[in-house]
Protein backbone atom coordinates (compact mmCIF):
# COMPACT_ATOMS: atom_id res chain seq x y z
CA MET A 1 -41.93 -27.23 66.88
CA PRO A 2 -41.40 -30.51 64.84
CA ARG A 3 -45.15 -30.64 63.76
CA LEU A 4 -45.22 -27.04 62.78
CA ALA A 5 -41.66 -27.43 60.86
CA ALA A 6 -43.16 -30.51 58.97
CA ALA A 7 -46.33 -28.68 57.99
CA TRP A 8 -44.32 -25.93 56.41
CA ARG A 9 -42.00 -28.22 54.36
CA GLY A 10 -45.06 -28.75 52.36
CA LEU A 11 -45.56 -25.00 51.86
CA ALA A 12 -42.13 -24.39 50.97
CA ALA A 13 -42.14 -27.11 48.34
CA ALA A 14 -45.36 -25.78 46.91
CA ALA A 15 -43.94 -22.20 46.77
CA ALA A 16 -40.88 -23.43 44.95
CA ALA A 17 -42.99 -25.46 42.33
CA LEU A 18 -45.33 -22.58 41.87
CA LEU A 19 -42.37 -20.10 41.20
CA THR A 20 -40.68 -22.51 38.70
CA VAL A 21 -43.73 -21.59 36.42
CA ALA A 22 -42.56 -18.05 35.95
CA LEU A 23 -39.03 -19.02 34.90
CA VAL A 24 -39.78 -18.81 31.23
CA PRO A 25 -39.33 -15.23 29.78
CA SER A 26 -41.73 -13.55 27.46
CA SER A 27 -41.16 -14.21 23.87
CA ALA A 28 -42.51 -10.82 23.02
CA GLY A 29 -40.28 -7.83 22.59
CA ALA A 30 -36.54 -7.56 23.04
CA GLY A 31 -35.06 -8.13 26.41
CA PRO A 32 -32.53 -6.17 28.29
CA VAL A 33 -28.96 -6.10 27.41
CA ALA A 34 -27.69 -9.67 27.42
CA ALA A 35 -24.92 -10.81 29.82
CA PRO A 36 -21.39 -11.48 28.29
CA SER A 37 -21.22 -14.84 26.75
CA SER A 38 -18.45 -15.77 29.19
CA HIS A 39 -21.18 -15.83 31.71
CA ARG A 40 -23.44 -18.29 30.16
CA ALA A 41 -23.71 -21.91 31.35
CA GLY A 42 -20.72 -24.30 31.05
CA ALA A 43 -18.83 -27.00 32.44
CA ASP A 44 -16.18 -24.71 33.74
CA ASP A 45 -18.46 -22.92 36.10
CA PRO A 46 -16.83 -22.47 39.54
CA LYS A 47 -18.15 -24.32 42.51
CA ALA A 48 -19.13 -22.84 45.89
CA PRO A 49 -16.83 -23.24 48.85
CA LYS A 50 -17.82 -25.84 51.33
CA GLU A 51 -19.15 -23.11 53.65
CA PHE A 52 -22.12 -22.47 51.46
CA VAL A 53 -25.32 -24.42 51.84
CA ALA A 54 -28.91 -24.36 50.39
CA LEU A 55 -31.24 -22.58 52.89
CA ARG A 56 -33.78 -25.33 52.38
CA ASP A 57 -31.41 -27.85 53.78
CA VAL A 58 -31.04 -25.88 57.03
CA ASP A 59 -34.62 -24.65 57.49
CA PRO A 60 -37.29 -25.91 54.89
CA THR A 61 -40.03 -23.84 56.65
CA ILE A 62 -38.75 -20.56 55.14
CA ILE A 63 -40.67 -19.56 52.12
CA GLN A 64 -38.52 -18.76 48.96
CA GLU A 65 -39.79 -16.56 46.33
CA ILE A 66 -36.52 -15.96 44.35
CA ARG A 67 -37.48 -13.03 42.15
CA TYR A 68 -34.34 -12.80 40.11
CA ALA A 69 -34.97 -16.49 38.80
CA THR A 70 -38.21 -14.97 37.18
CA PRO A 71 -39.36 -12.21 34.97
CA HIS A 72 -40.78 -10.09 37.88
CA ASP A 73 -37.84 -8.03 38.54
CA PHE A 74 -36.83 -4.46 37.73
CA MET A 75 -35.18 -5.76 34.35
CA GLY A 76 -38.39 -7.92 33.29
CA VAL A 77 -36.20 -11.09 32.54
CA PRO A 78 -34.53 -13.89 34.65
CA VAL A 79 -31.13 -12.59 35.81
CA THR A 80 -27.94 -14.10 34.54
CA GLY A 81 -26.59 -16.79 36.94
CA TYR A 82 -29.92 -17.80 38.46
CA ARG A 83 -30.34 -21.45 37.13
CA GLU A 84 -32.85 -22.32 39.78
CA PRO A 85 -35.20 -20.51 42.18
CA LEU A 86 -32.74 -21.35 45.00
CA CYS A 87 -31.61 -19.61 48.09
CA ILE A 88 -27.92 -20.23 48.83
CA LEU A 89 -26.03 -18.70 51.79
CA THR A 90 -23.12 -19.30 54.06
CA ARG A 91 -23.76 -22.00 56.64
CA ASP A 92 -23.37 -19.25 59.39
CA ALA A 93 -25.90 -17.02 57.87
CA ALA A 94 -28.34 -19.77 57.03
CA ARG A 95 -28.22 -20.95 60.74
CA ALA A 96 -28.74 -17.47 61.94
CA LEU A 97 -31.79 -17.27 59.63
CA HIS A 98 -33.15 -20.40 61.17
CA ARG A 99 -32.86 -19.04 64.56
CA ALA A 100 -35.01 -15.94 63.58
CA GLN A 101 -37.39 -18.19 61.81
CA VAL A 102 -38.03 -20.23 64.95
CA ALA A 103 -38.88 -17.16 66.92
CA PHE A 104 -41.35 -15.75 64.23
CA LEU A 105 -43.02 -18.94 63.78
CA ARG A 106 -43.95 -18.99 67.42
CA ARG A 107 -45.56 -15.61 66.87
CA GLY A 108 -47.63 -16.83 63.82
CA TYR A 109 -45.28 -15.53 60.93
CA SER A 110 -42.70 -16.92 58.57
CA LEU A 111 -39.81 -15.35 56.78
CA LYS A 112 -39.85 -15.24 53.06
CA VAL A 113 -36.69 -14.69 51.23
CA TYR A 114 -36.71 -12.89 47.77
CA ASP A 115 -32.82 -13.02 47.13
CA CYS A 116 -29.88 -14.63 48.84
CA TYR A 117 -26.41 -15.19 47.34
CA ARG A 118 -25.95 -13.41 44.05
CA PRO A 119 -23.25 -14.29 41.67
CA GLN A 120 -21.11 -11.63 40.30
CA ARG A 121 -22.36 -12.25 36.83
CA ALA A 122 -25.84 -11.39 38.09
CA VAL A 123 -24.39 -7.86 39.21
CA ASP A 124 -22.70 -7.50 35.88
CA HIS A 125 -26.06 -8.06 34.23
CA PHE A 126 -27.61 -5.33 36.36
CA VAL A 127 -24.91 -2.82 35.48
CA ALA A 128 -25.17 -3.61 31.68
CA TRP A 129 -28.84 -3.10 32.04
CA ALA A 130 -28.54 0.06 33.94
CA LYS A 131 -26.33 1.53 31.17
CA ASP A 132 -29.03 0.93 28.48
CA LEU A 133 -31.30 3.76 28.97
CA SER A 134 -33.54 2.77 26.21
CA ASP A 135 -34.72 -0.29 28.25
CA GLN A 136 -37.37 1.03 30.67
CA ARG A 137 -40.08 -1.84 30.42
CA MET A 138 -40.38 -2.31 34.24
CA LYS A 139 -40.15 1.45 35.12
CA ALA A 140 -43.75 1.96 35.97
CA GLU A 141 -43.40 -0.80 38.93
CA PHE A 142 -39.99 -0.55 40.29
CA TYR A 143 -38.77 3.09 39.60
CA PRO A 144 -41.70 5.40 38.60
CA ARG A 145 -40.16 8.47 40.18
CA VAL A 146 -36.63 7.85 39.42
CA ASP A 147 -34.75 8.60 36.17
CA LYS A 148 -32.80 5.50 35.09
CA SER A 149 -29.85 7.70 34.29
CA VAL A 150 -29.30 8.38 38.04
CA LEU A 151 -29.37 4.65 39.23
CA PHE A 152 -25.67 4.53 39.61
CA ARG A 153 -25.32 7.94 41.15
CA ASP A 154 -28.17 7.21 43.74
CA GLY A 155 -26.83 3.82 44.64
CA TYR A 156 -29.69 1.75 43.42
CA ILE A 157 -27.22 -0.08 41.18
CA ALA A 158 -23.57 -0.89 41.87
CA GLU A 159 -20.57 -2.84 40.31
CA LYS A 160 -20.18 -4.81 43.50
CA SER A 161 -22.89 -6.43 45.80
CA GLY A 162 -22.65 -7.60 49.41
CA HIS A 163 -24.92 -10.45 48.26
CA SER A 164 -22.00 -11.99 46.34
CA ARG A 165 -20.29 -12.76 49.68
CA GLY A 166 -23.11 -15.04 50.78
CA SER A 167 -24.08 -13.45 54.05
CA THR A 168 -26.81 -11.01 52.74
CA VAL A 169 -30.45 -11.65 52.22
CA ASP A 170 -33.50 -9.88 50.86
CA LEU A 171 -36.57 -10.82 52.88
CA THR A 172 -39.89 -10.09 54.32
CA LEU A 173 -42.48 -11.49 56.81
CA VAL A 174 -45.71 -13.58 56.00
CA ARG A 175 -48.57 -14.14 58.24
CA LEU A 176 -49.38 -17.69 58.74
CA PRO A 177 -51.20 -19.78 57.22
CA ALA A 178 -50.08 -18.27 53.85
CA VAL A 179 -50.61 -19.27 50.21
CA PRO A 180 -48.13 -18.49 47.34
CA THR A 181 -48.06 -15.22 45.63
CA ARG A 182 -49.35 -15.73 42.12
CA PRO A 183 -46.73 -15.66 39.34
CA TYR A 184 -46.09 -12.49 37.41
CA VAL A 185 -47.29 -12.67 33.78
CA PRO A 186 -44.87 -10.87 31.50
CA GLY A 187 -46.46 -8.01 29.66
CA GLU A 188 -49.28 -7.58 32.25
CA PRO A 189 -50.02 -3.86 33.27
CA LEU A 190 -47.65 -2.56 35.93
CA THR A 191 -48.57 -0.53 39.17
CA SER A 192 -46.24 1.52 41.41
CA CYS A 193 -44.31 -0.42 44.00
CA PHE A 194 -45.22 2.39 46.54
CA GLY A 195 -48.67 2.67 45.94
CA PRO A 196 -51.73 1.55 48.29
CA ARG A 197 -51.31 -2.05 48.99
CA ALA A 198 -54.38 -3.05 47.07
CA SER A 199 -52.99 -1.42 43.91
CA ARG A 200 -49.53 -3.03 43.99
CA PHE A 201 -48.57 -6.25 42.57
CA PRO A 202 -50.08 -8.96 45.05
CA ASP A 203 -47.68 -10.27 47.63
CA ASN A 204 -48.60 -12.62 50.36
CA SER A 205 -46.35 -10.73 52.80
CA LEU A 206 -47.12 -8.28 55.52
CA ASP A 207 -47.60 -4.52 54.15
CA MET A 208 -44.20 -2.91 54.38
CA GLY A 209 -45.30 0.34 52.66
CA THR A 210 -43.53 -0.50 49.39
CA GLY A 211 -42.81 -3.68 47.41
CA PHE A 212 -39.55 -5.55 47.14
CA ASP A 213 -36.73 -3.90 45.04
CA CYS A 214 -38.76 -0.52 45.03
CA PHE A 215 -36.30 2.22 43.86
CA ASP A 216 -37.66 5.05 45.93
CA THR A 217 -36.71 6.67 49.13
CA LEU A 218 -39.90 5.44 50.77
CA ALA A 219 -38.12 2.06 50.83
CA HIS A 220 -35.68 3.31 53.45
CA THR A 221 -36.31 1.31 56.52
CA LEU A 222 -36.97 4.39 58.93
CA ASP A 223 -38.46 6.74 56.27
CA PRO A 224 -40.71 8.98 58.54
CA ARG A 225 -43.56 8.88 55.92
CA ILE A 226 -44.03 5.17 56.78
CA LYS A 227 -46.30 5.11 59.73
CA GLY A 228 -48.85 2.78 61.56
CA LYS A 229 -49.02 -0.91 60.69
CA GLN A 230 -46.59 -0.40 57.92
CA ARG A 231 -43.79 0.86 60.20
CA ALA A 232 -44.61 -1.67 62.84
CA HIS A 233 -44.18 -4.50 60.23
CA ARG A 234 -40.84 -3.15 59.41
CA MET A 235 -39.81 -2.97 63.04
CA LEU A 236 -41.02 -6.53 63.61
CA LEU A 237 -38.85 -7.69 60.89
CA LYS A 238 -35.82 -5.53 61.86
CA GLU A 239 -35.99 -6.32 65.57
CA GLY A 240 -36.37 -10.10 64.97
CA LEU A 241 -33.36 -10.31 62.54
CA GLU A 242 -31.27 -8.13 64.83
CA ARG A 243 -31.76 -10.48 67.59
CA ALA A 244 -30.38 -13.29 65.32
CA GLY A 245 -27.16 -11.29 64.35
CA PHE A 246 -28.36 -9.48 61.23
CA VAL A 247 -27.77 -5.78 60.38
CA ASN A 248 -30.06 -3.83 58.24
CA TYR A 249 -29.11 -1.72 55.22
CA ALA A 250 -30.86 1.49 56.03
CA ASP A 251 -31.80 2.23 52.39
CA GLU A 252 -33.80 -0.91 51.83
CA TRP A 253 -36.32 -2.33 54.53
CA TRP A 254 -35.71 -5.80 52.93
CA HIS A 255 -31.80 -6.01 53.07
CA TYR A 256 -30.05 -7.67 55.90
CA THR A 257 -26.54 -8.84 56.37
CA PHE A 258 -25.35 -11.55 58.99
CA SER A 259 -22.41 -10.38 61.02
CA PRO A 260 -19.63 -11.42 61.26
CA GLU A 261 -19.62 -12.32 57.47
CA THR A 262 -17.93 -15.62 56.77
CA PHE A 263 -16.33 -14.10 53.67
CA PRO A 264 -16.15 -10.28 54.43
CA ASP A 265 -13.76 -9.57 51.65
CA THR A 266 -14.44 -12.10 48.88
CA SER A 267 -17.15 -12.01 46.08
CA PHE A 268 -18.13 -15.21 44.29
CA ASP A 269 -19.41 -16.07 40.81
CA PHE A 270 -20.71 -19.53 41.01
CA PRO A 271 -24.25 -19.99 39.61
CA VAL A 272 -27.39 -20.28 41.75
CA ALA A 273 -27.90 -23.96 41.30
CA ARG A 274 -27.81 -27.10 43.35
CA SER A 275 -25.00 -28.37 41.19
CA SER A 276 -22.83 -25.35 42.49
CA LEU A 277 -22.80 -26.80 46.04
CA VAL A 278 -19.94 -28.98 46.99
CA ARG A 279 -20.99 -32.05 48.81
CA ARG A 280 -18.44 -33.56 51.35
């Protein structure tokens, strides 16, 4: 295992470097509703409690493709509060994810995280965007069959998120060896997140039947329309994570929460950045 772990440190670093290219938003067209000015960068930003760690410090082999730090998300711009493409989790959740990763590596797979801890200011940005019905620039990919006016009613957007407590992660599986997914180019043609794999935005992960953050019932983990290899891939992810102590959210095949949560009743708002982590 030490040799395998060392090999994948290089891949993790390469993936992070590639994704950094996508951090600059498009200068063409107006962006979605801006977050309140009180949520912008500042010296008074809160710090994370000592129980939070960078996942890369616990397991550098887990691939990180932090989508909300890039324009490739359902809003089309980087999300407020994501200063770096970095996965931050509570130490308990990070260690549990490491245990799952060790088991997956032995079978020729790696975990890949799309999102980890999410600050409340990011959730507020989601809410502000959802209320602006005129901004539908990413509809063709992320919610082609859902009217934006029902995103709250149908539970796709909410004013609070379990991610803000630090023990929830959005993730998938990648068959090894893997290469990083190409960066999204703002303004490029969009294709449906639930179409055939070959027509979706390219992703180096296993085919789960839909892309990440697909606002559609096909993304429900056990939707009976998902069959064959796609269902087998979802079950592979689910069973491996459950053995490590994670619980799936039934409406999203990618969404898992480690239990028991370190902070079951507390949401946090420190930015996603190395500087947020307290060193002791």
